[in-house]
């Protein structure tokens, strides 16, 4: 039961994240291969709309820490902090 609740929460969080990021597709330009990025930059209709590349690594590291914290909290809440095959 806990696994089902945990799976639903993580699926909803992922869906929300994808939805929020897909509203403005140009924000995701830097997640595409360099050839596609160059093609979009060369298109006249996107000339002034392309965001300036910022430090994406910092943002991704913060997201990793937050996801780790959320998963740890869920794990602690269901009481599975001890090893799977130890201390029975």
N, C-alpha and C. Protein backbone atom coordinates (compact mmCIF):
# COMPACT_ATOMS: atom_id res chain seq x y z
N UNK A 1 0.82 -1.19 0.00
CA UNK A 1 0.00 0.00 0.00
C UNK A 1 0.87 1.26 0.00
N UNK A 2 1.92 1.23 0.83
CA UNK A 2 2.82 2.38 0.89
C UNK A 2 3.51 2.59 -0.46
N UNK A 3 3.89 1.50 -1.10
CA UNK A 3 4.54 1.59 -2.40
C UNK A 3 3.60 2.26 -3.42
N UNK A 4 2.34 1.92 -3.38
CA UNK A 4 1.37 2.51 -4.31
C UNK A 4 1.23 4.01 -4.06
N UNK A 5 1.14 4.41 -2.81
CA UNK A 5 1.02 5.83 -2.46
C UNK A 5 2.28 6.58 -2.88
N UNK A 6 3.43 5.98 -2.60
CA UNK A 6 4.70 6.59 -2.96
C UNK A 6 4.80 6.75 -4.49
N UNK A 7 4.40 5.74 -5.22
CA UNK A 7 4.45 5.79 -6.68
C UNK A 7 3.52 6.86 -7.23
N UNK A 8 2.33 6.97 -6.67
CA UNK A 8 1.37 7.98 -7.12
C UNK A 8 1.91 9.39 -6.86
N UNK A 9 2.49 9.61 -5.69
CA UNK A 9 3.04 10.92 -5.35
C UNK A 9 4.17 11.29 -6.30
N UNK A 10 5.08 10.35 -6.55
CA UNK A 10 6.20 10.65 -7.44
C UNK A 10 5.74 10.85 -8.88
N UNK A 11 4.74 10.09 -9.32
CA UNK A 11 4.21 10.30 -10.68
C UNK A 11 3.53 11.66 -10.80
N UNK A 12 2.80 12.07 -9.79
CA UNK A 12 2.16 13.39 -9.82
C UNK A 12 3.21 14.50 -9.81
N UNK A 13 4.26 14.34 -9.02
CA UNK A 13 5.33 15.34 -8.98
C UNK A 13 6.03 15.45 -10.34
N UNK A 14 6.30 14.30 -10.95
CA UNK A 14 6.94 14.30 -12.26
C UNK A 14 6.04 14.92 -13.32
N UNK A 15 4.74 14.59 -13.29
CA UNK A 15 3.79 15.15 -14.24
C UNK A 15 3.70 16.66 -14.09
N UNK A 16 3.65 17.14 -12.87
CA UNK A 16 3.61 18.58 -12.62
C UNK A 16 4.86 19.26 -13.15
N UNK A 17 6.02 18.66 -12.92
CA UNK A 17 7.28 19.23 -13.38
C UNK A 17 7.30 19.30 -14.92
N UNK A 18 6.91 18.23 -15.58
CA UNK A 18 6.90 18.21 -17.04
C UNK A 18 5.89 19.22 -17.57
N UNK A 19 4.73 19.31 -16.96
CA UNK A 19 3.72 20.27 -17.40
C UNK A 19 4.22 21.71 -17.28
N UNK A 20 4.82 22.03 -16.15
CA UNK A 20 5.30 23.40 -15.95
C UNK A 20 6.42 23.75 -16.92
N UNK A 21 7.29 22.79 -17.22
CA UNK A 21 8.39 23.06 -18.13
C UNK A 21 7.96 23.07 -19.59
N UNK A 22 6.87 22.41 -19.92
CA UNK A 22 6.46 22.33 -21.32
C UNK A 22 5.58 23.50 -21.75
N UNK A 23 5.20 24.35 -20.83
CA UNK A 23 4.37 25.49 -21.22
C UNK A 23 5.13 26.45 -22.12
N UNK A 24 6.42 26.61 -21.89
CA UNK A 24 7.25 27.44 -22.76
C UNK A 24 8.38 26.56 -23.27
N UNK A 25 8.22 26.05 -24.48
CA UNK A 25 9.16 25.06 -25.01
C UNK A 25 10.56 25.62 -25.23
N UNK A 26 10.71 26.92 -25.37
CA UNK A 26 12.05 27.48 -25.57
C UNK A 26 12.91 27.39 -24.32
N UNK A 27 12.29 27.24 -23.16
CA UNK A 27 13.07 27.06 -21.95
C UNK A 27 13.82 25.73 -21.96
N UNK A 28 13.33 24.79 -22.73
CA UNK A 28 13.94 23.47 -22.82
C UNK A 28 14.92 23.35 -23.97
N UNK A 29 15.21 24.44 -24.65
CA UNK A 29 16.09 24.39 -25.82
C UNK A 29 17.45 23.79 -25.49
N UNK A 30 17.99 24.09 -24.34
CA UNK A 30 19.34 23.63 -23.99
C UNK A 30 19.38 22.16 -23.57
N UNK A 31 18.24 21.49 -23.53
CA UNK A 31 18.21 20.06 -23.28
C UNK A 31 18.25 19.25 -24.58
N UNK A 32 18.22 19.94 -25.70
CA UNK A 32 18.28 19.28 -27.01
C UNK A 32 19.73 19.21 -27.48
N UNK A 33 20.02 18.34 -28.44
CA UNK A 33 21.39 18.25 -28.99
C UNK A 33 21.82 19.57 -29.63
N UNK A 34 23.13 19.81 -29.70
CA UNK A 34 23.64 21.07 -30.25
C UNK A 34 23.18 21.37 -31.68
N UNK A 35 23.01 20.35 -32.50
CA UNK A 35 22.57 20.59 -33.88
C UNK A 35 21.17 21.20 -33.91
N UNK A 36 20.29 20.72 -33.06
CA UNK A 36 18.93 21.26 -33.01
C UNK A 36 18.94 22.66 -32.42
N UNK A 37 19.79 22.90 -31.42
CA UNK A 37 19.90 24.23 -30.85
C UNK A 37 20.33 25.24 -31.90
N UNK A 38 21.33 24.88 -32.69
CA UNK A 38 21.81 25.78 -33.74
C UNK A 38 20.74 26.04 -34.79
N UNK A 39 19.98 25.00 -35.13
CA UNK A 39 18.92 25.18 -36.13
C UNK A 39 17.85 26.15 -35.62
N UNK A 40 17.47 26.02 -34.35
CA UNK A 40 16.47 26.93 -33.80
C UNK A 40 17.03 28.35 -33.73
N UNK A 41 18.30 28.50 -33.35
CA UNK A 41 18.91 29.83 -33.30
C UNK A 41 18.94 30.50 -34.68
N UNK A 42 19.08 29.69 -35.72
CA UNK A 42 19.16 30.25 -37.07
C UNK A 42 17.80 30.64 -37.64
N UNK A 43 16.73 30.20 -37.02
CA UNK A 43 15.39 30.51 -37.51
C UNK A 43 15.02 31.95 -37.12
N UNK A 44 14.51 32.67 -38.07
CA UNK A 44 14.19 34.09 -37.88
C UNK A 44 13.08 34.31 -36.84
N UNK A 45 12.11 33.43 -36.78
CA UNK A 45 10.97 33.62 -35.87
C UNK A 45 11.34 33.48 -34.39
N UNK A 46 12.48 32.84 -34.08
CA UNK A 46 12.90 32.65 -32.69
C UNK A 46 14.07 33.55 -32.31
N UNK A 47 14.45 34.46 -33.18
CA UNK A 47 15.66 35.26 -32.99
C UNK A 47 15.70 35.97 -31.63
N UNK A 48 14.64 36.65 -31.24
CA UNK A 48 14.63 37.43 -30.00
C UNK A 48 13.97 36.72 -28.83
N UNK A 49 13.51 35.51 -29.03
CA UNK A 49 12.78 34.79 -27.99
C UNK A 49 13.62 33.75 -27.26
N UNK A 50 14.82 33.47 -27.73
CA UNK A 50 15.64 32.42 -27.13
C UNK A 50 16.24 32.95 -25.83
N UNK A 51 16.03 32.21 -24.73
CA UNK A 51 16.58 32.67 -23.44
C UNK A 51 18.10 32.55 -23.42
N UNK A 52 18.70 33.39 -22.61
CA UNK A 52 20.15 33.35 -22.45
C UNK A 52 20.50 32.14 -21.59
N UNK A 53 21.52 31.42 -22.00
CA UNK A 53 21.92 30.22 -21.27
C UNK A 53 22.52 30.64 -19.93
N UNK A 54 21.93 30.12 -18.87
CA UNK A 54 22.40 30.43 -17.51
C UNK A 54 23.04 29.19 -16.94
N UNK A 55 23.39 29.23 -15.70
CA UNK A 55 24.05 28.11 -15.05
C UNK A 55 23.01 27.03 -14.75
N UNK A 56 22.77 26.14 -15.69
CA UNK A 56 21.77 25.08 -15.54
C UNK A 56 22.25 24.00 -14.57
N UNK A 57 23.56 23.82 -14.45
CA UNK A 57 24.09 22.79 -13.56
C UNK A 57 23.69 23.07 -12.12
N UNK A 58 23.75 24.32 -11.70
CA UNK A 58 23.38 24.70 -10.34
C UNK A 58 21.92 24.37 -10.06
N UNK A 59 21.04 24.69 -10.99
CA UNK A 59 19.62 24.42 -10.82
C UNK A 59 19.37 22.91 -10.76
N UNK A 60 20.05 22.14 -11.60
CA UNK A 60 19.86 20.70 -11.61
C UNK A 60 20.40 20.06 -10.33
N UNK A 61 21.47 20.59 -9.77
CA UNK A 61 21.99 20.08 -8.51
C UNK A 61 21.02 20.34 -7.37
N UNK A 62 20.42 21.51 -7.35
CA UNK A 62 19.43 21.83 -6.32
C UNK A 62 18.23 20.89 -6.44
N UNK A 63 17.79 20.62 -7.67
CA UNK A 63 16.67 19.70 -7.89
C UNK A 63 17.02 18.30 -7.40
N UNK A 64 18.24 17.85 -7.64
CA UNK A 64 18.67 16.53 -7.17
C UNK A 64 18.63 16.45 -5.65
N UNK A 65 19.10 17.50 -4.99
CA UNK A 65 19.08 17.52 -3.52
C UNK A 65 17.64 17.50 -3.01
N UNK A 66 16.76 18.30 -3.63
CA UNK A 66 15.37 18.32 -3.19
C UNK A 66 14.68 16.98 -3.40
N UNK A 67 14.90 16.35 -4.57
CA UNK A 67 14.29 15.04 -4.82
C UNK A 67 14.81 14.00 -3.84
N UNK A 68 16.10 14.05 -3.52
CA UNK A 68 16.68 13.13 -2.54
C UNK A 68 16.05 13.35 -1.17
N UNK A 69 15.84 14.60 -0.81
CA UNK A 69 15.23 14.90 0.48
C UNK A 69 13.79 14.39 0.55
N UNK A 70 13.03 14.60 -0.52
CA UNK A 70 11.63 14.15 -0.54
C UNK A 70 11.57 12.63 -0.46
N UNK A 71 12.39 11.95 -1.23
CA UNK A 71 12.38 10.48 -1.19
C UNK A 71 12.83 9.97 0.17
N UNK A 72 13.80 10.65 0.79
CA UNK A 72 14.24 10.25 2.13
C UNK A 72 13.13 10.44 3.16
N UNK A 73 12.38 11.54 3.04
CA UNK A 73 11.27 11.77 3.96
C UNK A 73 10.19 10.70 3.80
N UNK A 74 9.89 10.34 2.56
CA UNK A 74 8.90 9.29 2.33
C UNK A 74 9.40 7.97 2.90
N UNK A 75 10.68 7.70 2.71
CA UNK A 75 11.26 6.46 3.22
C UNK A 75 11.21 6.44 4.75
N UNK A 76 11.55 7.56 5.38
CA UNK A 76 11.51 7.63 6.84
C UNK A 76 10.08 7.50 7.36
N UNK A 77 9.13 8.06 6.65
CA UNK A 77 7.74 8.02 7.09
C UNK A 77 7.18 6.61 7.08
N UNK A 78 7.64 5.79 6.16
CA UNK A 78 7.12 4.43 6.13
C UNK A 78 7.97 3.46 6.95
N UNK A 79 9.06 3.94 7.55
CA UNK A 79 9.83 3.14 8.49
C UNK A 79 10.75 2.11 7.86
N UNK A 80 11.33 2.40 6.74
CA UNK A 80 12.24 1.43 6.11
C UNK A 80 13.67 1.94 6.13
N UNK A 81 14.08 2.53 7.21
CA UNK A 81 15.43 3.08 7.28
C UNK A 81 16.47 2.00 7.50
N UNK A 82 16.10 0.91 8.06
CA UNK A 82 17.10 -0.13 8.31
C UNK A 82 17.28 -0.98 7.04
N UNK A 83 18.39 -1.69 6.97
CA UNK A 83 18.66 -2.51 5.79
C UNK A 83 17.58 -3.56 5.57
N UNK A 84 17.40 -3.97 4.34
CA UNK A 84 16.35 -4.91 3.98
C UNK A 84 16.52 -6.28 4.62
N UNK A 85 17.74 -6.73 4.78
CA UNK A 85 17.96 -8.09 5.29
C UNK A 85 18.66 -8.11 6.64
N UNK A 86 18.72 -6.99 7.32
CA UNK A 86 19.42 -6.95 8.60
C UNK A 86 18.49 -6.62 9.75
N UNK A 87 18.93 -6.93 10.96
CA UNK A 87 18.20 -6.59 12.20
C UNK A 87 16.74 -7.04 12.17
N UNK A 88 16.51 -8.27 11.92
CA UNK A 88 15.11 -8.74 11.85
C UNK A 88 14.60 -9.14 13.19
